[in-house]
Amino acid sequence: MLLKIQNENLLPKGSGGDKPSLDHKVFLHFFLTRERANVPKYIFRHMIKTLKDSQTIKWNFIPYGRLISEILHQGEILNALKKVITLLMLSLVQ
């Protein structure tokens, strides 16, 4: 059951299959032993590795796409970018 929760919510989708990957096993270890783990660091490293892999093998995949979208939305980064683009467009017109 823990593997199902982890696969569907915490760790990004991998190559598929029912067998847990090493990342899944490590995550379960920390979860079950209640050891502290730096989850944001793990997520960031995984995102970097996946993005590098996608450039190498021409694979279109963004890890944690929903998380990135939520960060951009909650941080109002998209609204700030819209303002900057509007100001740039206005300065080009003048």
PDB file of N, CA and C in Angstrom:
ATOM      1  N   MET A   1       0.816  -1.183   0.000  1.00  0.00           N
ATOM      2  CA  MET A   1       0.000   0.000   0.000  1.00  0.00           C
ATOM      3  C   MET A   1       0.873   1.264   0.000  1.00  0.00           C
ATOM      4  N   LEU A   2       1.955   1.237   0.808  1.00  0.00           N
ATOM      5  CA  LEU A   2       2.857   2.390   0.842  1.00  0.00           C
ATOM      6  C   LEU A   2       3.465   2.647  -0.531  1.00  0.00           C
ATOM      7  N   LEU A   3       3.798   1.573  -1.238  1.00  0.00           N
ATOM      8  CA  LEU A   3       4.374   1.726  -2.570  1.00  0.00           C
ATOM      9  C   LEU A   3       3.385   2.402  -3.509  1.00  0.00           C
ATOM     10  N   LYS A   4       2.096   2.038  -3.397  1.00  0.00           N
ATOM     11  CA  LYS A   4       1.081   2.649  -4.256  1.00  0.00           C
ATOM     12  C   LYS A   4       0.937   4.144  -3.958  1.00  0.00           C
ATOM     13  N   ILE A   5       0.874   4.506  -2.690  1.00  0.00           N
ATOM     14  CA  ILE A   5       0.770   5.921  -2.308  1.00  0.00           C
ATOM     15  C   ILE A   5       1.989   6.683  -2.819  1.00  0.00           C
ATOM     16  N   GLN A   6       3.151   6.096  -2.610  1.00  0.00           N
ATOM     17  CA  GLN A   6       4.399   6.736  -3.028  1.00  0.00           C
ATOM     18  C   GLN A   6       4.442   6.899  -4.540  1.00  0.00           C
ATOM     19  N   ASN A   7       4.086   5.861  -5.277  1.00  0.00           N
ATOM     20  CA  ASN A   7       4.139   5.921  -6.743  1.00  0.00           C
ATOM     21  C   ASN A   7       3.185   6.950  -7.314  1.00  0.00           C
ATOM     22  N   GLU A   8       2.028   7.076  -6.717  1.00  0.00           N
ATOM     23  CA  GLU A   8       1.000   7.954  -7.275  1.00  0.00           C
ATOM     24  C   GLU A   8       1.117   9.394  -6.807  1.00  0.00           C
ATOM     25  N   ASN A   9       1.803   9.637  -5.702  1.00  0.00           N
ATOM     26  CA  ASN A   9       1.788  10.979  -5.144  1.00  0.00           C
ATOM     27  C   ASN A   9       3.152  11.603  -4.868  1.00  0.00           C
ATOM     28  N   LEU A  10       4.119  10.817  -4.458  1.00  0.00           N
ATOM     29  CA  LEU A  10       5.365  11.406  -3.979  1.00  0.00           C
ATOM     30  C   LEU A  10       6.499  11.367  -4.988  1.00  0.00           C
ATOM     31  N   LEU A  11       6.678  10.247  -5.644  1.00  0.00           N
ATOM     32  CA  LEU A  11       7.789  10.119  -6.573  1.00  0.00           C
ATOM     33  C   LEU A  11       7.277  10.183  -8.002  1.00  0.00           C
ATOM     34  N   PRO A  12       8.077  10.740  -8.884  1.00  0.00           N
ATOM     35  CA  PRO A  12       7.635  10.829 -10.277  1.00  0.00           C
ATOM     36  C   PRO A  12       7.553   9.463 -10.924  1.00  0.00           C
ATOM     37  N   LYS A  13       6.819   9.407 -11.997  1.00  0.00           N
ATOM     38  CA  LYS A  13       6.665   8.155 -12.727  1.00  0.00           C
ATOM     39  C   LYS A  13       7.989   7.791 -13.377  1.00  0.00           C
ATOM     40  N   GLY A  14       8.278   6.525 -13.369  1.00  0.00           N
ATOM     41  CA  GLY A  14       9.523   6.056 -13.961  1.00  0.00           C
ATOM     42  C   GLY A  14       9.248   5.228 -15.192  1.00  0.00           C
ATOM     43  N   SER A  15      10.031   4.196 -15.352  1.00  0.00           N
ATOM     44  CA  SER A  15       9.911   3.362 -16.542  1.00  0.00           C
ATOM     45  C   SER A  15       8.733   2.411 -16.460  1.00  0.00           C
ATOM     46  N   GLY A  16       8.071   2.384 -15.346  1.00  0.00           N
ATOM     47  CA  GLY A  16       6.902   1.521 -15.215  1.00  0.00           C
ATOM     48  C   GLY A  16       7.255   0.243 -14.486  1.00  0.00           C
ATOM     49  N   GLY A  17       6.323  -0.663 -14.476  1.00  0.00           N
ATOM     50  CA  GLY A  17       6.542  -1.926 -13.795  1.00  0.00           C
ATOM     51  C   GLY A  17       6.065  -1.874 -12.367  1.00  0.00           C
ATOM     52  N   ASP A  18       5.924  -3.051 -11.791  1.00  0.00           N
ATOM     53  CA  ASP A  18       5.439  -3.144 -10.421  1.00  0.00           C
ATOM     54  C   ASP A  18       6.558  -3.198  -9.395  1.00  0.00           C
ATOM     55  N   LYS A  19       7.781  -3.377  -9.855  1.00  0.00           N
ATOM     56  CA  LYS A  19       8.899  -3.466  -8.918  1.00  0.00           C
ATOM     57  C   LYS A  19       9.373  -2.068  -8.541  1.00  0.00           C
ATOM     58  N   PRO A  20       9.652  -1.851  -7.256  1.00  0.00           N
ATOM     59  CA  PRO A  20      10.131  -0.524  -6.847  1.00  0.00           C
ATOM     60  C   PRO A  20      11.569  -0.283  -7.317  1.00  0.00           C
ATOM     61  N   SER A  21      11.845   0.948  -7.700  1.00  0.00           N
ATOM     62  CA  SER A  21      13.196   1.321  -8.099  1.00  0.00           C
ATOM     63  C   SER A  21      14.027   1.566  -6.847  1.00  0.00           C
ATOM     64  N   LEU A  22      15.316   1.832  -7.035  1.00  0.00           N
ATOM     65  CA  LEU A  22      16.185   2.141  -5.895  1.00  0.00           C
ATOM     66  C   LEU A  22      15.694   3.392  -5.177  1.00  0.00           C
ATOM     67  N   ASP A  23      15.258   4.403  -5.938  1.00  0.00           N
ATOM     68  CA  ASP A  23      14.734   5.625  -5.311  1.00  0.00           C
ATOM     69  C   ASP A  23      13.533   5.310  -4.425  1.00  0.00           C
ATOM     70  N   HIS A  24      12.663   4.446  -4.906  1.00  0.00           N
ATOM     71  CA  HIS A  24      11.486   4.074  -4.118  1.00  0.00           C
ATOM     72  C   HIS A  24      11.905   3.346  -2.842  1.00  0.00           C
ATOM     73  N   LYS A  25      12.870   2.457  -2.960  1.00  0.00           N
ATOM     74  CA  LYS A  25      13.327   1.712  -1.785  1.00  0.00           C
ATOM     75  C   LYS A  25      13.957   2.651  -0.750  1.00  0.00           C
ATOM     76  N   VAL A  26      14.773   3.595  -1.226  1.00  0.00           N
ATOM     77  CA  VAL A  26      15.403   4.555  -0.315  1.00  0.00           C
ATOM     78  C   VAL A  26      14.334   5.396   0.380  1.00  0.00           C
ATOM     79  N   PHE A  27      13.353   5.857  -0.401  1.00  0.00           N
ATOM     80  CA  PHE A  27      12.281   6.663   0.182  1.00  0.00           C
ATOM     81  C   PHE A  27      11.515   5.864   1.234  1.00  0.00           C
ATOM     82  N   LEU A  28      11.177   4.623   0.913  1.00  0.00           N
ATOM     83  CA  LEU A  28      10.463   3.783   1.883  1.00  0.00           C
ATOM     84  C   LEU A  28      11.299   3.566   3.140  1.00  0.00           C
ATOM     85  N   HIS A  29      12.607   3.394   2.978  1.00  0.00           N
ATOM     86  CA  HIS A  29      13.480   3.224   4.140  1.00  0.00           C
ATOM     87  C   HIS A  29      13.363   4.426   5.076  1.00  0.00           C
ATOM     88  N   PHE A  30      13.506   5.628   4.516  1.00  0.00           N
ATOM     89  CA  PHE A  30      13.425   6.830   5.350  1.00  0.00           C
ATOM     90  C   PHE A  30      12.039   6.989   5.965  1.00  0.00           C
ATOM     91  N   PHE A  31      11.024   6.634   5.200  1.00  0.00           N
ATOM     92  CA  PHE A  31       9.656   6.761   5.694  1.00  0.00           C
ATOM     93  C   PHE A  31       9.397   5.792   6.850  1.00  0.00           C
ATOM     94  N   LEU A  32       9.795   4.551   6.678  1.00  0.00           N
ATOM     95  CA  LEU A  32       9.508   3.530   7.688  1.00  0.00           C
ATOM     96  C   LEU A  32      10.376   3.669   8.931  1.00  0.00           C
ATOM     97  N   THR A  33      11.628   4.096   8.771  1.00  0.00           N
ATOM     98  CA  THR A  33      12.507   4.250   9.930  1.00  0.00           C
ATOM     99  C   THR A  33      12.372   5.617  10.589  1.00  0.00           C
ATOM    100  N   ARG A  34      11.613   6.487   9.956  1.00  0.00           N
ATOM    101  CA  ARG A  34      11.376   7.847  10.447  1.00  0.00           C
ATOM    102  C   ARG A  34      12.663   8.667  10.577  1.00  0.00           C
ATOM    103  N   GLU A  35      13.642   8.305   9.757  1.00  0.00           N
ATOM    104  CA  GLU A  35      14.857   9.114   9.703  1.00  0.00           C
ATOM    105  C   GLU A  35      14.543  10.382   8.934  1.00  0.00           C
ATOM    106  N   ARG A  36      15.251  11.443   9.275  1.00  0.00           N
ATOM    107  CA  ARG A  36      15.050  12.711   8.586  1.00  0.00           C
ATOM    108  C   ARG A  36      15.721  12.651   7.217  1.00  0.00           C
ATOM    109  N   ALA A  37      15.030  13.199   6.243  1.00  0.00           N
ATOM    110  CA  ALA A  37      15.569  13.257   4.884  1.00  0.00           C
ATOM    111  C   ALA A  37      15.264  14.630   4.306  1.00  0.00           C
ATOM    112  N   ASN A  38      16.153  15.123   3.481  1.00  0.00           N
ATOM    113  CA  ASN A  38      15.968  16.415   2.846  1.00  0.00           C
ATOM    114  C   ASN A  38      15.213  16.194   1.527  1.00  0.00           C
ATOM    115  N   VAL A  39      13.889  16.143   1.606  1.00  0.00           N
ATOM    116  CA  VAL A  39      13.057  15.828   0.444  1.00  0.00           C
ATOM    117  C   VAL A  39      13.160  16.893  -0.651  1.00  0.00           C
ATOM    118  N   PRO A  40      13.139  18.195  -0.327  1.00  0.00           N
ATOM    119  CA  PRO A  40      13.304  19.180  -1.404  1.00  0.00           C
ATOM    120  C   PRO A  40      14.616  19.014  -2.166  1.00  0.00           C
ATOM    121  N   LYS A  41      15.680  18.667  -1.451  1.00  0.00           N
ATOM    122  CA  LYS A  41      16.975  18.448  -2.112  1.00  0.00           C
ATOM    123  C   LYS A  41      16.881  17.248  -3.048  1.00  0.00           C
ATOM    124  N   TYR A  42      16.240  16.181  -2.587  1.00  0.00           N
ATOM    125  CA  TYR A  42      16.065  14.986  -3.422  1.00  0.00           C
ATOM    126  C   TYR A  42      15.261  15.335  -4.677  1.00  0.00           C
ATOM    127  N   ILE A  43      14.160  16.060  -4.506  1.00  0.00           N
ATOM    128  CA  ILE A  43      13.312  16.427  -5.640  1.00  0.00           C
ATOM    129  C   ILE A  43      14.097  17.270  -6.635  1.00  0.00           C
ATOM    130  N   PHE A  44      14.840  18.250  -6.132  1.00  0.00           N
ATOM    131  CA  PHE A  44      15.611  19.129  -7.012  1.00  0.00           C
ATOM    132  C   PHE A  44      16.661  18.335  -7.789  1.00  0.00           C
ATOM    133  N   ARG A  45      17.391  17.450  -7.099  1.00  0.00           N
ATOM    134  CA  ARG A  45      18.394  16.629  -7.786  1.00  0.00           C
ATOM    135  C   ARG A  45      17.753  15.743  -8.850  1.00  0.00           C
ATOM    136  N   HIS A  46      16.610  15.170  -8.528  1.00  0.00           N
ATOM    137  CA  HIS A  46      15.924  14.321  -9.496  1.00  0.00           C
ATOM    138  C   HIS A  46      15.477  15.137 -10.704  1.00  0.00           C
ATOM    139  N   MET A  47      14.986  16.346 -10.472  1.00  0.00           N
ATOM    140  CA  MET A  47      14.561  17.207 -11.576  1.00  0.00           C
ATOM    141  C   MET A  47      15.731  17.526 -12.494  1.00  0.00           C
ATOM    142  N   ILE A  48      16.888  17.872 -11.915  1.00  0.00           N
ATOM    143  CA  ILE A  48      18.077  18.188 -12.707  1.00  0.00           C
ATOM    144  C   ILE A  48      18.507  16.977 -13.532  1.00  0.00           C
ATOM    145  N   LYS A  49      18.561  15.803 -12.902  1.00  0.00           N
ATOM    146  CA  LYS A  49      18.983  14.592 -13.605  1.00  0.00           C
ATOM    147  C   LYS A  49      18.034  14.273 -14.753  1.00  0.00           C
ATOM    148  N   THR A  50      16.743  14.376 -14.508  1.00  0.00           N
ATOM    149  CA  THR A  50      15.766  14.059 -15.539  1.00  0.00           C
ATOM    150  C   THR A  50      15.835  15.049 -16.689  1.00  0.00           C
ATOM    151  N   LEU A  51      16.019  16.322 -16.373  1.00  0.00           N
ATOM    152  CA  LEU A  51      16.140  17.323 -17.435  1.00  0.00           C
ATOM    153  C   LEU A  51      17.390  17.080 -18.281  1.00  0.00           C
ATOM    154  N   LYS A  52      18.500  16.708 -17.641  1.00  0.00           N
ATOM    155  CA  LYS A  52      19.717  16.383 -18.397  1.00  0.00           C
ATOM    156  C   LYS A  52      19.484  15.160 -19.277  1.00  0.00           C
ATOM    157  N   ASP A  53      18.833  14.141 -18.722  1.00  0.00           N
ATOM    158  CA  ASP A  53      18.526  12.936 -19.500  1.00  0.00           C
ATOM    159  C   ASP A  53      17.635  13.261 -20.682  1.00  0.00           C
ATOM    160  N   SER A  54      16.673  14.144 -20.480  1.00  0.00           N
ATOM    161  CA  SER A  54      15.737  14.475 -21.559  1.00  0.00           C
ATOM    162  C   SER A  54      16.449  15.190 -22.701  1.00  0.00           C
ATOM    163  N   GLN A  55      17.497  15.950 -22.396  1.00  0.00           N
ATOM    164  CA  GLN A  55      18.264  16.616 -23.446  1.00  0.00           C
ATOM    165  C   GLN A  55      19.120  15.621 -24.216  1.00  0.00           C
ATOM    166  N   THR A  56      19.606  14.612 -23.521  1.00  0.00           N
ATOM    167  CA  THR A  56      20.479  13.626 -24.145  1.00  0.00           C
ATOM    168  C   THR A  56      19.717  12.671 -25.052  1.00  0.00           C
ATOM    169  N   ILE A  57      18.563  12.199 -24.595  1.00  0.00           N
ATOM    170  CA  ILE A  57      17.842  11.179 -25.360  1.00  0.00           C
ATOM    171  C   ILE A  57      16.585  11.721 -26.042  1.00  0.00           C
ATOM    172  N   LYS A  58      16.471  13.044 -26.107  1.00  0.00           N
ATOM    173  CA  LYS A  58      15.325  13.682 -26.772  1.00  0.00           C
ATOM    174  C   LYS A  58      13.997  13.161 -26.212  1.00  0.00           C
ATOM    175  N   TRP A  59      13.892  13.197 -24.911  1.00  0.00           N
ATOM    176  CA  TRP A  59      12.721  12.688 -24.208  1.00  0.00           C
ATOM    177  C   TRP A  59      11.981  13.875 -23.625  1.00  0.00           C
ATOM    178  N   ASN A  60      10.738  14.092 -24.010  1.00  0.00           N
ATOM    179  CA  ASN A  60       9.957  15.239 -23.536  1.00  0.00           C
ATOM    180  C   ASN A  60       9.210  14.880 -22.261  1.00  0.00           C
ATOM    181  N   PHE A  61       9.798  15.246 -21.146  1.00  0.00           N
ATOM    182  CA  PHE A  61       9.192  14.946 -19.849  1.00  0.00           C
ATOM    183  C   PHE A  61       9.681  15.973 -18.848  1.00  0.00           C
ATOM    184  N   ILE A  62       8.770  16.545 -18.101  1.00  0.00           N
ATOM    185  CA  ILE A  62       9.127  17.487 -17.039  1.00  0.00           C
ATOM    186  C   ILE A  62       8.775  16.825 -15.709  1.00  0.00           C
ATOM    187  N   PRO A  63       9.787  16.507 -14.903  1.00  0.00           N
ATOM    188  CA  PRO A  63       9.500  15.887 -13.615  1.00  0.00           C
ATOM    189  C   PRO A  63       8.816  16.873 -12.682  1.00  0.00           C
ATOM    190  N   TYR A  64       7.876  16.383 -11.916  1.00  0.00           N
ATOM    191  CA  TYR A  64       7.145  17.208 -10.958  1.00  0.00           C
ATOM    192  C   TYR A  64       6.494  18.418 -11.628  1.00  0.00           C
ATOM    193  N   GLY A  65       5.947  18.213 -12.801  1.00  0.00           N
ATOM    194  CA  GLY A  65       5.322  19.302 -13.541  1.00  0.00           C
ATOM    195  C   GLY A  65       4.239  20.017 -12.753  1.00  0.00           C
ATOM    196  N   ARG A  66       3.428  19.248 -12.052  1.00  0.00           N
ATOM    197  CA  ARG A  66       2.362  19.853 -11.240  1.00  0.00           C
ATOM    198  C   ARG A  66       2.931  20.681 -10.102  1.00  0.00           C
ATOM    199  N   LEU A  67       3.989  20.170  -9.495  1.00  0.00           N
ATOM    200  CA  LEU A  67       4.626  20.896  -8.393  1.00  0.00           C
ATOM    201  C   LEU A  67       5.206  22.215  -8.893  1.00  0.00           C
ATOM    202  N   ILE A  68       5.871  22.175 -10.038  1.00  0.00           N
ATOM    203  CA  ILE A  68       6.436  23.392 -10.608  1.00  0.00           C
ATOM    204  C   ILE A  68       5.329  24.390 -10.923  1.00  0.00           C
ATOM    205  N   SER A  69       4.237  23.912 -11.502  1.00  0.00           N
ATOM    206  CA  SER A  69       3.107  24.796 -11.811  1.00  0.00           C
ATOM    207  C   SER A  69       2.551  25.442 -10.552  1.00  0.00           C
ATOM    208  N   GLU A  70       2.439  24.648  -9.504  1.00  0.00           N
ATOM    209  CA  GLU A  70       1.891  25.176  -8.245  1.00  0.00           C
ATOM    210  C   GLU A  70       2.833  26.216  -7.636  1.00  0.00           C
ATOM    211  N   ILE A  71       4.126  25.969  -7.696  1.00  0.00           N
ATOM    212  CA  ILE A  71       5.100  26.935  -7.171  1.00  0.00           C
ATOM    213  C   ILE A  71       5.010  28.241  -7.953  1.00  0.00           C
ATOM    214  N   LEU A  72       4.927  28.134  -9.274  1.00  0.00           N
ATOM    215  CA  LEU A  72       4.817  29.333 -10.097  1.00  0.00           C
ATOM    216  C   LEU A  72       3.524  30.086  -9.797  1.00  0.00           C
ATOM    217  N   HIS A  73       2.445  29.357  -9.587  1.00  0.00           N
ATOM    218  CA  HIS A  73       1.151  29.985  -9.316  1.00  0.00           C
ATOM    219  C   HIS A  73       1.132  30.612  -7.918  1.00  0.00           C
ATOM    220  N   GLN A  74       1.519  29.839  -6.895  1.00  0.00           N
ATOM    221  CA  GLN A  74       1.479  30.334  -5.521  1.00  0.00           C
ATOM    222  C   GLN A  74       2.457  31.490  -5.308  1.00  0.00           C
ATOM    223  N   GLY A  75       3.601  31.434  -5.963  1.00  0.00           N
ATOM    224  CA  GLY A  75       4.591  32.484  -5.818  1.00  0.00           C
ATOM    225  C   GLY A  75       4.285  33.700  -6.672  1.00  0.00           C
ATOM    226  N   GLU A  76       3.196  33.637  -7.417  1.00  0.00           N
ATOM    227  CA  GLU A  76       2.758  34.703  -8.311  1.00  0.00           C
ATOM    228  C   GLU A  76       3.861  35.111  -9.285  1.00  0.00           C
ATOM    229  N   ILE A  77       4.681  34.142  -9.651  1.00  0.00           N
ATOM    230  CA  ILE A  77       5.757  34.395 -10.606  1.00  0.00           C
ATOM    231  C   ILE A  77       5.183  34.670 -11.987  1.00  0.00           C
ATOM    232  N   LEU A  78       4.113  33.964 -12.331  1.00  0.00           N
ATOM    233  CA  LEU A  78       3.504  34.167 -13.649  1.00  0.00           C
ATOM    234  C   LEU A  78       2.959  35.584 -13.796  1.00  0.00           C
ATOM    235  N   ASN A  79       2.332  36.105 -12.738  1.00  0.00           N
ATOM    236  CA  ASN A  79       1.815  37.480 -12.793  1.00  0.00           C
ATOM    237  C   ASN A  79       2.955  38.487 -12.939  1.00  0.00           C
ATOM    238  N   ALA A  80       4.058  38.245 -12.235  1.00  0.00           N
ATOM    239  CA  ALA A  80       5.211  39.144 -12.340  1.00  0.00           C
ATOM    240  C   ALA A  80       5.782  39.102 -13.754  1.00  0.00           C
ATOM    241  N   LEU A  81       5.848  37.909 -14.353  1.00  0.00           N
ATOM    242  CA  LEU A  81       6.356  37.797 -15.722  1.00  0.00           C
ATOM    243  C   LEU A  81       5.442  38.519 -16.714  1.00  0.00           C
ATOM    244  N   LYS A  82       4.138  38.419 -16.499  1.00  0.00           N
ATOM    245  CA  LYS A  82       3.197  39.119 -17.379  1.00  0.00           C
ATOM    246  C   LYS A  82       3.416  40.632 -17.318  1.00  0.00           C
ATOM    247  N   LYS A  83       3.652  41.148 -16.111  1.00  0.00           N
ATOM    248  CA  LYS A  83       3.898  42.586 -15.955  1.00  0.00           C
ATOM    249  C   LYS A  83       5.172  42.999 -16.674  1.00  0.00           C
ATOM    250  N   VAL A  84       6.214  42.180 -16.532  1.00  0.00           N
ATOM    251  CA  VAL A  84       7.492  42.489 -17.192  1.00  0.00           C
ATOM    252  C   VAL A  84       7.319  42.476 -18.709  1.00  0.00           C
ATOM    253  N   ILE A  85       6.629  41.472 -19.215  1.00  0.00           N
ATOM    254  CA  ILE A  85       6.412  41.381 -20.666  1.00  0.00           C
ATOM    255  C   ILE A  85       5.607  42.579 -21.156  1.00  0.00           C
ATOM    256  N   THR A  86       4.588  42.968 -20.400  1.00  0.00           N
ATOM    257  CA  THR A  86       3.780  44.122 -20.785  1.00  0.00           C
ATOM    258  C   THR A  86       4.643  45.384 -20.833  1.00  0.00           C
ATOM    259  N   LEU A  87       5.470  45.573 -19.824  1.00  0.00           N
ATOM    260  CA  LEU A  87       6.356  46.751 -19.795  1.00  0.00           C
ATOM    261  C   LEU A  87       7.344  46.717 -20.959  1.00  0.00           C
ATOM    262  N   LEU A  88       7.868  45.557 -21.271  1.00  0.00           N
ATOM    263  CA  LEU A  88       8.790  45.436 -22.397  1.00  0.00           C
ATOM    264  C   LEU A  88       8.096  45.758 -23.726  1.00  0.00           C
ATOM    265  N   MET A  89       6.889  45.265 -23.877  1.00  0.00           N
ATOM    266  CA  MET A  89       6.134  45.526 -25.116  1.00  0.00           C
ATOM    267  C   MET A  89       5.838  47.025 -25.248  1.00  0.00           C
ATOM    268  N   LEU A  90       5.462  47.657 -24.136  1.00  0.00           N
ATOM    269  CA  LEU A  90       5.185  49.087 -24.150  1.00  0.00           C
ATOM    270  C   LEU A  90       6.432  49.900 -24.499  1.00  0.00           C
ATOM    271  N   SER A  91       7.573  49.474 -23.978  1.00  0.00           N
ATOM    272  CA  SER A  91       8.809  50.206 -24.271  1.00  0.00           C
ATOM    273  C   SER A  91       9.237  49.998 -25.721  1.00  0.00           C
ATOM    274  N   LEU A  92       8.904  48.888 -26.324  1.00  0.00           N
ATOM    275  CA  LEU A  92       9.220  48.651 -27.733  1.00  0.00           C
ATOM    276  C   LEU A  92       8.332  49.467 -28.657  1.00  0.00           C
ATOM    277  N   VAL A  93       7.103  49.690 -28.240  1.00  0.00           N
ATOM    278  CA  VAL A  93       6.142  50.459 -29.060  1.00  0.00           C
ATOM    279  C   VAL A  93       6.563  51.922 -29.113  1.00  0.00           C
ATOM    280  N   GLN A  94       7.085  52.448 -28.018  1.00  0.00           N
ATOM    281  CA  GLN A  94       7.439  53.865 -27.945  1.00  0.00           C
ATOM    282  C   GLN A  94       8.634  54.138 -28.736  1.00  0.00           C
TER     283      GLN A  94
END
